[in-house]
Amino acid sequence: FAKTGYPRAPKYYIMKWLSDYITEFGIDGYR
């Protein structure tokens, strides 16, 4: 939240959690 400036709204929590699978594991895409 400090990096993005997004409010701590529900959708942004979930986006953060989903993005972790990209940075940690290197998945290639999301449906």
Full PDB file with SEQRES, HELIX, SHEET, SSBOND, CRYST1, ORIGX, SCALE, CONECT and MASTER records, all heavy atoms in Angstrom:
SEQRES   1 A   31  PHE ALA LYS THR GLY TYR PRO ARG ALA PRO LYS TYR TYR          
SEQRES   2 A   31  ILE MET LYS TRP LEU SER ASP TYR ILE THR GLU PHE GLY          
SEQRES   3 A   31  ILE ASP GLY TYR ARG                                          
HELIX    1 AA1 PRO A   10  PHE A   25  1                                  16    
CRYST1    1.000    1.000    1.000  90.00  90.00  90.00 P 1           1          
ORIGX1      1.000000  0.000000  0.000000        0.00000                         
ORIGX2      0.000000  1.000000  0.000000        0.00000                         
ORIGX3      0.000000  0.000000  1.000000        0.00000                         
SCALE1      1.000000  0.000000  0.000000        0.00000                         
SCALE2      0.000000  1.000000  0.000000        0.00000                         
SCALE3      0.000000  0.000000  1.000000        0.00000                         
ATOM      1  N   PHE A   1       0.812  -1.205   0.000  1.00  0.00           N  
ATOM      2  CA  PHE A   1       0.000   0.000   0.000  1.00  0.00           C  
ATOM      3  C   PHE A   1       0.855   1.269   0.000  1.00  0.00           C  
ATOM      4  O   PHE A   1       0.471   2.285  -0.587  1.00  0.00           O  
ATOM      5  CB  PHE A   1      -0.975  -0.019   1.180  1.00  0.00           C  
ATOM      6  CG  PHE A   1      -2.101  -1.004   0.997  1.00  0.00           C  
ATOM      7  CD1 PHE A   1      -2.243  -2.111   1.834  1.00  0.00           C  
ATOM      8  CD2 PHE A   1      -3.010  -0.841  -0.037  1.00  0.00           C  
ATOM      9  CE1 PHE A   1      -3.264  -3.015   1.656  1.00  0.00           C  
ATOM     10  CE2 PHE A   1      -4.050  -1.756  -0.228  1.00  0.00           C  
ATOM     11  CZ  PHE A   1      -4.183  -2.846   0.623  1.00  0.00           C  
ATOM     12  N   ALA A   2       2.018   1.199   0.625  1.00  0.00           N  
ATOM     13  CA  ALA A   2       2.928   2.349   0.586  1.00  0.00           C  
ATOM     14  C   ALA A   2       3.454   2.568  -0.826  1.00  0.00           C  
ATOM     15  O   ALA A   2       3.580   3.707  -1.298  1.00  0.00           O  
ATOM     16  CB  ALA A   2       4.087   2.131   1.557  1.00  0.00           C  
ATOM     17  N   LYS A   3       3.753   1.489  -1.517  1.00  0.00           N  
ATOM     18  CA  LYS A   3       4.297   1.564  -2.882  1.00  0.00           C  
ATOM     19  C   LYS A   3       3.265   2.053  -3.889  1.00  0.00           C  
ATOM     20  O   LYS A   3       3.562   2.879  -4.758  1.00  0.00           O  
ATOM     21  CB  LYS A   3       4.821   0.181  -3.294  1.00  0.00           C  
ATOM     22  CG  LYS A   3       5.283   0.074  -4.737  1.00  0.00           C  
ATOM     23  CD  LYS A   3       5.695  -1.365  -5.039  1.00  0.00           C  
ATOM     24  CE  LYS A   3       6.093  -1.545  -6.499  1.00  0.00           C  
ATOM     25  NZ  LYS A   3       6.447  -2.960  -6.789  1.00  0.00           N  
ATOM     26  N   THR A   4       2.052   1.551  -3.789  1.00  0.00           N  
ATOM     27  CA  THR A   4       1.037   1.837  -4.804  1.00  0.00           C  
ATOM     28  C   THR A   4       0.220   3.086  -4.516  1.00  0.00           C  
ATOM     29  O   THR A   4      -0.296   3.720  -5.450  1.00  0.00           O  
ATOM     30  CB  THR A   4       0.060   0.658  -4.941  1.00  0.00           C  
ATOM     31  OG1 THR A   4      -0.629   0.466  -3.693  1.00  0.00           O  
ATOM     32  CG2 THR A   4       0.810  -0.616  -5.310  1.00  0.00           C  
ATOM     33  N   GLY A   5       0.062   3.426  -3.250  1.00  0.00           N  
ATOM     34  CA  GLY A   5      -0.804   4.538  -2.901  1.00  0.00           C  
ATOM     35  C   GLY A   5      -2.276   4.180  -2.939  1.00  0.00           C  
ATOM     36  O   GLY A   5      -3.134   5.045  -2.758  1.00  0.00           O  
ATOM     37  N   TYR A   6      -2.595   2.910  -3.186  1.00  0.00           N  
ATOM     38  CA  TYR A   6      -3.990   2.485  -3.173  1.00  0.00           C  
ATOM     39  C   TYR A   6      -4.552   2.548  -1.760  1.00  0.00           C  
ATOM     40  O   TYR A   6      -3.829   2.298  -0.778  1.00  0.00           O  
ATOM     41  CB  TYR A   6      -4.117   1.040  -3.671  1.00  0.00           C  
ATOM     42  CG  TYR A   6      -3.936   0.843  -5.153  1.00  0.00           C  
ATOM     43  CD1 TYR A   6      -3.175  -0.210  -5.640  1.00  0.00           C  
ATOM     44  CD2 TYR A   6      -4.556   1.689  -6.072  1.00  0.00           C  
ATOM     45  CE1 TYR A   6      -3.026  -0.415  -7.001  1.00  0.00           C  
ATOM     46  CE2 TYR A   6      -4.408   1.486  -7.437  1.00  0.00           C  
ATOM     47  CZ  TYR A   6      -3.640   0.431  -7.896  1.00  0.00           C  
ATOM     48  OH  TYR A   6      -3.494   0.230  -9.245  1.00  0.00           O  
ATOM     49  N   PRO A   7      -5.846   2.816  -1.603  1.00  0.00           N  
ATOM     50  CA  PRO A   7      -6.473   2.701  -0.289  1.00  0.00           C  
ATOM     51  C   PRO A   7      -6.532   1.230   0.122  1.00  0.00           C  
ATOM     52  O   PRO A   7      -6.499   0.340  -0.737  1.00  0.00           O  
ATOM     53  CB  PRO A   7      -7.870   3.277  -0.505  1.00  0.00           C  
ATOM     54  CG  PRO A   7      -8.139   3.071  -1.961  1.00  0.00           C  
ATOM     55  CD  PRO A   7      -6.813   3.236  -2.649  1.00  0.00           C  
ATOM     56  N   ARG A   8      -6.651   1.004   1.417  1.00  0.00           N  
ATOM     57  CA  ARG A   8      -6.740  -0.379   1.907  1.00  0.00           C  
ATOM     58  C   ARG A   8      -8.172  -0.883   1.751  1.00  0.00           C  
ATOM     59  O   ARG A   8      -8.842  -1.244   2.720  1.00  0.00           O  
ATOM     60  CB  ARG A   8      -6.273  -0.449   3.359  1.00  0.00           C  
ATOM     61  CG  ARG A   8      -4.780  -0.192   3.529  1.00  0.00           C  
ATOM     62  CD  ARG A   8      -4.382  -0.137   4.993  1.00  0.00           C  
ATOM     63  NE  ARG A   8      -2.947   0.098   5.141  1.00  0.00           N  
ATOM     64  CZ  ARG A   8      -2.043  -0.855   5.416  1.00  0.00           C  
ATOM     65  NH1 ARG A   8      -2.433  -2.103   5.601  1.00  0.00           N  
ATOM     66  NH2 ARG A   8      -0.764  -0.563   5.519  1.00  0.00           N  
ATOM     67  N   ALA A   9      -8.614  -0.901   0.506  1.00  0.00           N  
ATOM     68  CA  ALA A   9      -9.958  -1.364   0.175  1.00  0.00           C  
ATOM     69  C   ALA A   9      -9.903  -2.857  -0.148  1.00  0.00           C  
ATOM     70  O   ALA A   9      -8.858  -3.376  -0.547  1.00  0.00           O  
ATOM     71  CB  ALA A   9     -10.495  -0.573  -1.012  1.00  0.00           C  
ATOM     72  N   PRO A  10     -11.024  -3.564   0.003  1.00  0.00           N  
ATOM     73  CA  PRO A  10     -11.019  -5.021  -0.195  1.00  0.00           C  
ATOM     74  C   PRO A  10     -10.381  -5.478  -1.502  1.00  0.00           C  
ATOM     75  O   PRO A  10      -9.579  -6.419  -1.515  1.00  0.00           O  
ATOM     76  CB  PRO A  10     -12.512  -5.373  -0.140  1.00  0.00           C  
ATOM     77  CG  PRO A  10     -13.083  -4.350   0.779  1.00  0.00           C  
ATOM     78  CD  PRO A  10     -12.341  -3.080   0.471  1.00  0.00           C  
ATOM     79  N   LYS A  11     -10.726  -4.833  -2.626  1.00  0.00           N  
ATOM     80  CA  LYS A  11     -10.215  -5.301  -3.913  1.00  0.00           C  
ATOM     81  C   LYS A  11      -8.700  -5.215  -3.989  1.00  0.00           C  
ATOM     82  O   LYS A  11      -8.049  -6.067  -4.609  1.00  0.00           O  
ATOM     83  CB  LYS A  11     -10.829  -4.503  -5.058  1.00  0.00           C  
ATOM     84  CG  LYS A  11     -10.574  -3.008  -5.019  1.00  0.00           C  
ATOM     85  CD  LYS A  11     -11.345  -2.272  -6.111  1.00  0.00           C  
ATOM     86  CE  LYS A  11     -11.226  -0.761  -5.953  1.00  0.00           C  
ATOM     87  NZ  LYS A  11     -12.063  -0.053  -6.952  1.00  0.00           N  
ATOM     88  N   TYR A  12      -8.106  -4.205  -3.340  1.00  0.00           N  
ATOM     89  CA  TYR A  12      -6.659  -4.041  -3.423  1.00  0.00           C  
ATOM     90  C   TYR A  12      -5.916  -5.031  -2.526  1.00  0.00           C  
ATOM     91  O   TYR A  12      -4.802  -5.449  -2.865  1.00  0.00           O  
ATOM     92  CB  TYR A  12      -6.273  -2.597  -3.105  1.00  0.00           C  
ATOM     93  CG  TYR A  12      -6.798  -1.623  -4.128  1.00  0.00           C  
ATOM     94  CD1 TYR A  12      -7.641  -0.586  -3.761  1.00  0.00           C  
ATOM     95  CD2 TYR A  12      -6.475  -1.763  -5.476  1.00  0.00           C  
ATOM     96  CE1 TYR A  12      -8.141   0.297  -4.708  1.00  0.00           C  
ATOM     97  CE2 TYR A  12      -6.971  -0.885  -6.425  1.00  0.00           C  
ATOM     98  CZ  TYR A  12      -7.811   0.147  -6.037  1.00  0.00           C  
ATOM     99  OH  TYR A  12      -8.305   1.020  -6.981  1.00  0.00           O  
ATOM    100  N   TYR A  13      -6.522  -5.411  -1.408  1.00  0.00           N  
ATOM    101  CA  TYR A  13      -5.944  -6.507  -0.622  1.00  0.00           C  
ATOM    102  C   TYR A  13      -5.836  -7.756  -1.508  1.00  0.00           C  
ATOM    103  O   TYR A  13      -4.790  -8.412  -1.567  1.00  0.00           O  
ATOM    104  CB  TYR A  13      -6.837  -6.841   0.578  1.00  0.00           C  
ATOM    105  CG  TYR A  13      -6.710  -5.957   1.790  1.00  0.00           C  
ATOM    106  CD1 TYR A  13      -7.639  -4.945   2.031  1.00  0.00           C  
ATOM    107  CD2 TYR A  13      -5.699  -6.168   2.733  1.00  0.00           C  
ATOM    108  CE1 TYR A  13      -7.554  -4.153   3.167  1.00  0.00           C  
ATOM    109  CE2 TYR A  13      -5.605  -5.385   3.878  1.00  0.00           C  
ATOM    110  CZ  TYR A  13      -6.540  -4.376   4.092  1.00  0.00           C  
ATOM    111  OH  TYR A  13      -6.451  -3.600   5.217  1.00  0.00           O  
ATOM    112  N   ILE A  14      -6.948  -8.076  -2.185  1.00  0.00           N  
ATOM    113  CA  ILE A  14      -6.982  -9.307  -2.992  1.00  0.00           C  
ATOM    114  C   ILE A  14      -6.007  -9.224  -4.158  1.00  0.00           C  
ATOM    115  O   ILE A  14      -5.316 -10.195  -4.479  1.00  0.00           O  
ATOM    116  CB  ILE A  14      -8.418  -9.584  -3.486  1.00  0.00           C  
ATOM    117  CG1 ILE A  14      -9.347  -9.788  -2.285  1.00  0.00           C  
ATOM    118  CG2 ILE A  14      -8.436 -10.821  -4.384  1.00  0.00           C  
ATOM    119  CD1 ILE A  14     -10.824  -9.894  -2.656  1.00  0.00           C  
ATOM    120  N   MET A  15      -5.916  -8.059  -4.782  1.00  0.00           N  
ATOM    121  CA  MET A  15      -4.951  -7.899  -5.878  1.00  0.00           C  
ATOM    122  C   MET A  15      -3.530  -8.134  -5.397  1.00  0.00           C  
ATOM    123  O   MET A  15      -2.721  -8.770  -6.084  1.00  0.00           O  
ATOM    124  CB  MET A  15      -5.071  -6.497  -6.488  1.00  0.00           C  
ATOM    125  CG  MET A  15      -6.311  -6.273  -7.303  1.00  0.00           C  
ATOM    126  SD  MET A  15      -6.321  -4.593  -8.007  1.00  0.00           S  
ATOM    127  CE  MET A  15      -8.056  -4.396  -8.373  1.00  0.00           C  
ATOM    128  N   LYS A  16      -3.220  -7.630  -4.212  1.00  0.00           N  
ATOM    129  CA  LYS A  16      -1.880  -7.845  -3.643  1.00  0.00           C  
ATOM    130  C   LYS A  16      -1.632  -9.327  -3.454  1.00  0.00           C  
ATOM    131  O   LYS A  16      -0.573  -9.854  -3.828  1.00  0.00           O  
ATOM    132  CB  LYS A  16      -1.749  -7.086  -2.320  1.00  0.00           C  
ATOM    133  CG  LYS A  16      -0.345  -7.145  -1.711  1.00  0.00           C  
ATOM    134  CD  LYS A  16      -0.136  -8.363  -0.828  1.00  0.00           C  
ATOM    135  CE  LYS A  16       1.299  -8.461  -0.337  1.00  0.00           C  
ATOM    136  NZ  LYS A  16       1.613  -9.758   0.272  1.00  0.00           N  
ATOM    137  N   TRP A  17      -2.594 -10.004  -2.868  1.00  0.00           N  
ATOM    138  CA  TRP A  17      -2.416 -11.436  -2.588  1.00  0.00           C  
ATOM    139  C   TRP A  17      -2.252 -12.233  -3.886  1.00  0.00           C  
ATOM    140  O   TRP A  17      -1.430 -13.162  -3.954  1.00  0.00           O  
ATOM    141  CB  TRP A  17      -3.608 -11.959  -1.786  1.00  0.00           C  
ATOM    142  CG  TRP A  17      -3.714 -11.336  -0.420  1.00  0.00           C  
ATOM    143  CD1 TRP A  17      -2.687 -10.863   0.352  1.00  0.00           C  
ATOM    144  CD2 TRP A  17      -4.921 -11.106   0.323  1.00  0.00           C  
ATOM    145  NE1 TRP A  17      -3.178 -10.354   1.541  1.00  0.00           N  
ATOM    146  CE2 TRP A  17      -4.539 -10.495   1.550  1.00  0.00           C  
ATOM    147  CE3 TRP A  17      -6.272 -11.353   0.100  1.00  0.00           C  
ATOM    148  CZ2 TRP A  17      -5.477 -10.137   2.527  1.00  0.00           C  
ATOM    149  CZ3 TRP A  17      -7.205 -11.001   1.062  1.00  0.00           C  
ATOM    150  CH2 TRP A  17      -6.809 -10.406   2.267  1.00  0.00           C  
ATOM    151  N   LEU A  18      -3.023 -11.890  -4.902  1.00  0.00           N  
ATOM    152  CA  LEU A  18      -2.905 -12.602  -6.177  1.00  0.00           C  
ATOM    153  C   LEU A  18      -1.577 -12.298  -6.872  1.00  0.00           C  
ATOM    154  O   LEU A  18      -0.995 -13.169  -7.525  1.00  0.00           O  
ATOM    155  CB  LEU A  18      -4.078 -12.226  -7.089  1.00  0.00           C  
ATOM    156  CG  LEU A  18      -5.455 -12.746  -6.648  1.00  0.00           C  
ATOM    157  CD1 LEU A  18      -6.555 -12.131  -7.507  1.00  0.00           C  
ATOM    158  CD2 LEU A  18      -5.524 -14.271  -6.714  1.00  0.00           C  
ATOM    159  N   SER A  19      -1.100 -11.068  -6.732  1.00  0.00           N  
ATOM    160  CA  SER A  19       0.177 -10.709  -7.376  1.00  0.00           C  
ATOM    161  C   SER A  19       1.360 -11.442  -6.755  1.00  0.00           C  
ATOM    162  O   SER A  19       2.404 -11.609  -7.399  1.00  0.00           O  
ATOM    163  CB  SER A  19       0.403  -9.201  -7.310  1.00  0.00           C  
ATOM    164  OG  SER A  19       0.701  -8.765  -5.994  1.00  0.00           O  
ATOM    165  N   ASP A  20       1.215 -11.902  -5.520  1.00  0.00           N  
ATOM    166  CA  ASP A  20       2.302 -12.647  -4.875  1.00  0.00           C  
ATOM    167  C   ASP A  20       2.634 -13.941  -5.622  1.00  0.00           C  
ATOM    168  O   ASP A  20       3.778 -14.400  -5.602  1.00  0.00           O  
ATOM    169  CB  ASP A  20       1.928 -12.994  -3.429  1.00  0.00           C  
ATOM    170  CG  ASP A  20       1.965 -11.782  -2.514  1.00  0.00           C  
ATOM    171  OD1 ASP A  20       2.543 -10.748  -2.912  1.00  0.00           O  
ATOM    172  OD2 ASP A  20       1.401 -11.863  -1.402  1.00  0.00           O  
ATOM    173  N   TYR A  21       1.646 -14.529  -6.277  1.00  0.00           N  
ATOM    174  CA  TYR A  21       1.900 -15.760  -7.030  1.00  0.00           C  
ATOM    175  C   TYR A  21       2.731 -15.480  -8.287  1.00  0.00           C  
ATOM    176  O   TYR A  21       3.346 -16.386  -8.845  1.00  0.00           O  
ATOM    177  CB  TYR A  21       0.576 -16.449  -7.380  1.00  0.00           C  
ATOM    178  CG  TYR A  21      -0.143 -16.951  -6.142  1.00  0.00           C  
ATOM    179  CD1 TYR A  21      -1.105 -16.169  -5.508  1.00  0.00           C  
ATOM    180  CD2 TYR A  21       0.181 -18.175  -5.574  1.00  0.00           C  
ATOM    181  CE1 TYR A  21      -1.737 -16.599  -4.358  1.00  0.00           C  
ATOM    182  CE2 TYR A  21      -0.442 -18.628  -4.417  1.00  0.00           C  
ATOM    183  CZ  TYR A  21      -1.406 -17.827  -3.810  1.00  0.00           C  
ATOM    184  OH  TYR A  21      -2.021 -18.247  -2.646  1.00  0.00           O  
ATOM    185  N   ILE A  22       2.740 -14.221  -8.706  1.00  0.00           N  
ATOM    186  CA  ILE A  22       3.585 -13.820  -9.831  1.00  0.00           C  
ATOM    187  C   ILE A  22       5.018 -13.591  -9.353  1.00  0.00           C  
ATOM    188  O   ILE A  22       5.967 -14.154  -9.897  1.00  0.00           O  
ATOM    189  CB  ILE A  22       3.041 -12.537 -10.493  1.00  0.00           C  
ATOM    190  CG1 ILE A  22       1.579 -12.707 -10.903  1.00  0.00           C  
ATOM    191  CG2 ILE A  22       3.902 -12.169 -11.702  1.00  0.00           C  
ATOM    192  CD1 ILE A  22       0.918 -11.427 -11.385  1.00  0.00           C  
ATOM    193  N   THR A  23       5.183 -12.759  -8.319  1.00  0.00           N  
ATOM    194  CA  THR A  23       6.530 -12.415  -7.858  1.00  0.00           C  
ATOM    195  C   THR A  23       7.229 -13.584  -7.187  1.00  0.00           C  
ATOM    196  O   THR A  23       8.448 -13.722  -7.291  1.00  0.00           O  
ATOM    197  CB  THR A  23       6.469 -11.230  -6.872  1.00  0.00           C  
ATOM    198  OG1 THR A  23       5.539 -11.514  -5.821  1.00  0.00           O  
ATOM    199  CG2 THR A  23       6.054  -9.957  -7.580  1.00  0.00           C  
ATOM    200  N   GLU A  24       6.471 -14.448  -6.524  1.00  0.00           N  
ATOM    201  CA  GLU A  24       7.092 -15.560  -5.793  1.00  0.00           C  
ATOM    202  C   GLU A  24       7.328 -16.782  -6.658  1.00  0.00           C  
ATOM    203  O   GLU A  24       8.353 -17.463  -6.522  1.00  0.00           O  
ATOM    204  CB  GLU A  24       6.227 -15.942  -4.585  1.00  0.00           C  
ATOM    205  CG  GLU A  24       6.856 -17.000  -3.695  1.00  0.00           C  
ATOM    206  CD  GLU A  24       6.064 -17.286  -2.428  1.00  0.00           C  
ATOM    207  OE1 GLU A  24       5.111 -16.531  -2.130  1.00  0.00           O  
ATOM    208  OE2 GLU A  24       6.394 -18.263  -1.722  1.00  0.00           O  
ATOM    209  N   PHE A  25       6.399 -17.061  -7.573  1.00  0.00           N  
ATOM    210  CA  PHE A  25       6.486 -18.313  -8.331  1.00  0.00           C  
ATOM    211  C   PHE A  25       6.730 -18.114  -9.824  1.00  0.00           C  
ATOM    212  O   PHE A  25       7.103 -19.052 -10.519  1.00  0.00           O  
ATOM    213  CB  PHE A  25       5.207 -19.136  -8.136  1.00  0.00           C  
ATOM    214  CG  PHE A  25       4.924 -19.471  -6.702  1.00  0.00           C  
ATOM    215  CD1 PHE A  25       4.006 -18.729  -5.974  1.00  0.00           C  
ATOM    216  CD2 PHE A  25       5.609 -20.498  -6.065  1.00  0.00           C  
ATOM    217  CE1 PHE A  25       3.754 -19.022  -4.643  1.00  0.00           C  
ATOM    218  CE2 PHE A  25       5.358 -20.797  -4.731  1.00  0.00           C  
ATOM    219  CZ  PHE A  25       4.434 -20.049  -4.018  1.00  0.00           C  
ATOM    220  N   GLY A  26       6.474 -16.921 -10.327  1.00  0.00           N  
ATOM    221  CA  GLY A  26       6.708 -16.670 -11.742  1.00  0.00           C  
ATOM    222  C   GLY A  26       5.649 -17.244 -12.657  1.00  0.00           C  
ATOM    223  O   GLY A  26       5.964 -17.629 -13.790  1.00  0.00           O  
ATOM    224  N   ILE A  27       4.387 -17.295 -12.201  1.00  0.00           N  
ATOM    225  CA  ILE A  27       3.331 -17.740 -13.103  1.00  0.00           C  
ATOM    226  C   ILE A  27       3.249 -16.767 -14.271  1.00  0.00           C  
ATOM    227  O   ILE A  27       3.676 -15.615 -14.181  1.00  0.00           O  
ATOM    228  CB  ILE A  27       1.975 -17.872 -12.388  1.00  0.00           C  
ATOM    229  CG1 ILE A  27       1.462 -16.497 -11.931  1.00  0.00           C  
ATOM    230  CG2 ILE A  27       2.076 -18.850 -11.223  1.00  0.00           C  
ATOM    231  CD1 ILE A  27       0.013 -16.505 -11.481  1.00  0.00           C  
ATOM    232  N   ASP A  28       2.667 -17.214 -15.368  1.00  0.00           N  
ATOM    233  CA  ASP A  28       2.715 -16.455 -16.619  1.00  0.00           C  
ATOM    234  C   ASP A  28       1.442 -15.705 -16.948  1.00  0.00           C  
ATOM    235  O   ASP A  28       1.423 -14.857 -17.849  1.00  0.00           O  
ATOM    236  CB  ASP A  28       3.020 -17.416 -17.767  1.00  0.00           C  
ATOM    237  CG  ASP A  28       4.296 -18.187 -17.510  1.00  0.00           C  
ATOM    238  OD1 ASP A  28       5.383 -17.632 -17.738  1.00  0.00           O  
ATOM    239  OD2 ASP A  28       4.206 -19.352 -17.054  1.00  0.00           O  
ATOM    240  N   GLY A  29       0.359 -16.033 -16.249  1.00  0.00           N  
ATOM    241  CA  GLY A  29      -0.895 -15.379 -16.574  1.00  0.00           C  
ATOM    242  C   GLY A  29      -1.977 -15.687 -15.573  1.00  0.00           C  
ATOM    243  O   GLY A  29      -1.843 -16.563 -14.714  1.00  0.00           O  
ATOM    244  N   TYR A  30      -3.064 -14.923 -15.678  1.00  0.00           N  
ATOM    245  CA  TYR A  30      -4.270 -15.165 -14.892  1.00  0.00           C  
ATOM    246  C   TYR A  30      -5.474 -15.203 -15.818  1.00  0.00           C  
ATOM    247  O   TYR A  30      -5.597 -14.387 -16.742  1.00  0.00           O  
ATOM    248  CB  TYR A  30      -4.505 -14.054 -13.867  1.00  0.00           C  
ATOM    249  CG  TYR A  30      -3.937 -14.310 -12.499  1.00  0.00           C  
ATOM    250  CD1 TYR A  30      -3.025 -13.431 -11.929  1.00  0.00           C  
ATOM    251  CD2 TYR A  30      -4.325 -15.423 -11.751  1.00  0.00           C  
ATOM    252  CE1 TYR A  30      -2.502 -13.642 -10.659  1.00  0.00           C  
ATOM    253  CE2 TYR A  30      -3.809 -15.648 -10.477  1.00  0.00           C  
ATOM    254  CZ  TYR A  30      -2.902 -14.761  -9.937  1.00  0.00           C  
ATOM    255  OH  TYR A  30      -2.384 -14.990  -8.679  1.00  0.00           O  
ATOM    256  N   ARG A  31      -6.343 -16.127 -15.572  1.00  0.00           N  
ATOM    257  CA  ARG A  31      -7.692 -16.067 -16.116  1.00  0.00           C  
ATOM    258  C   ARG A  31      -8.528 -15.414 -15.011  1.00  0.00           C  
ATOM    259  O   ARG A  31      -8.510 -15.848 -13.865  1.00  0.00           O  
ATOM    260  CB  ARG A  31      -8.191 -17.474 -16.429  1.00  0.00           C  
ATOM    261  CG  ARG A  31      -9.667 -17.528 -16.901  1.00  0.00           C  
ATOM    262  CD  ARG A  31     -10.607 -17.813 -15.747  1.00  0.00           C  
ATOM    263  NE  ARG A  31     -11.958 -18.156 -16.193  1.00  0.00           N  
ATOM    264  CZ  ARG A  31     -12.961 -18.372 -15.379  1.00  0.00           C  
ATOM    265  NH1 ARG A  31     -12.796 -18.287 -14.058  1.00  0.00           N  
ATOM    266  NH2 ARG A  31     -14.158 -18.678 -15.847  1.00  0.00           N  
TER     267      ARG A  31                                                      
MASTER        0    0    0    1    0    0    0    6  266    1    0    3          
END                                                                             
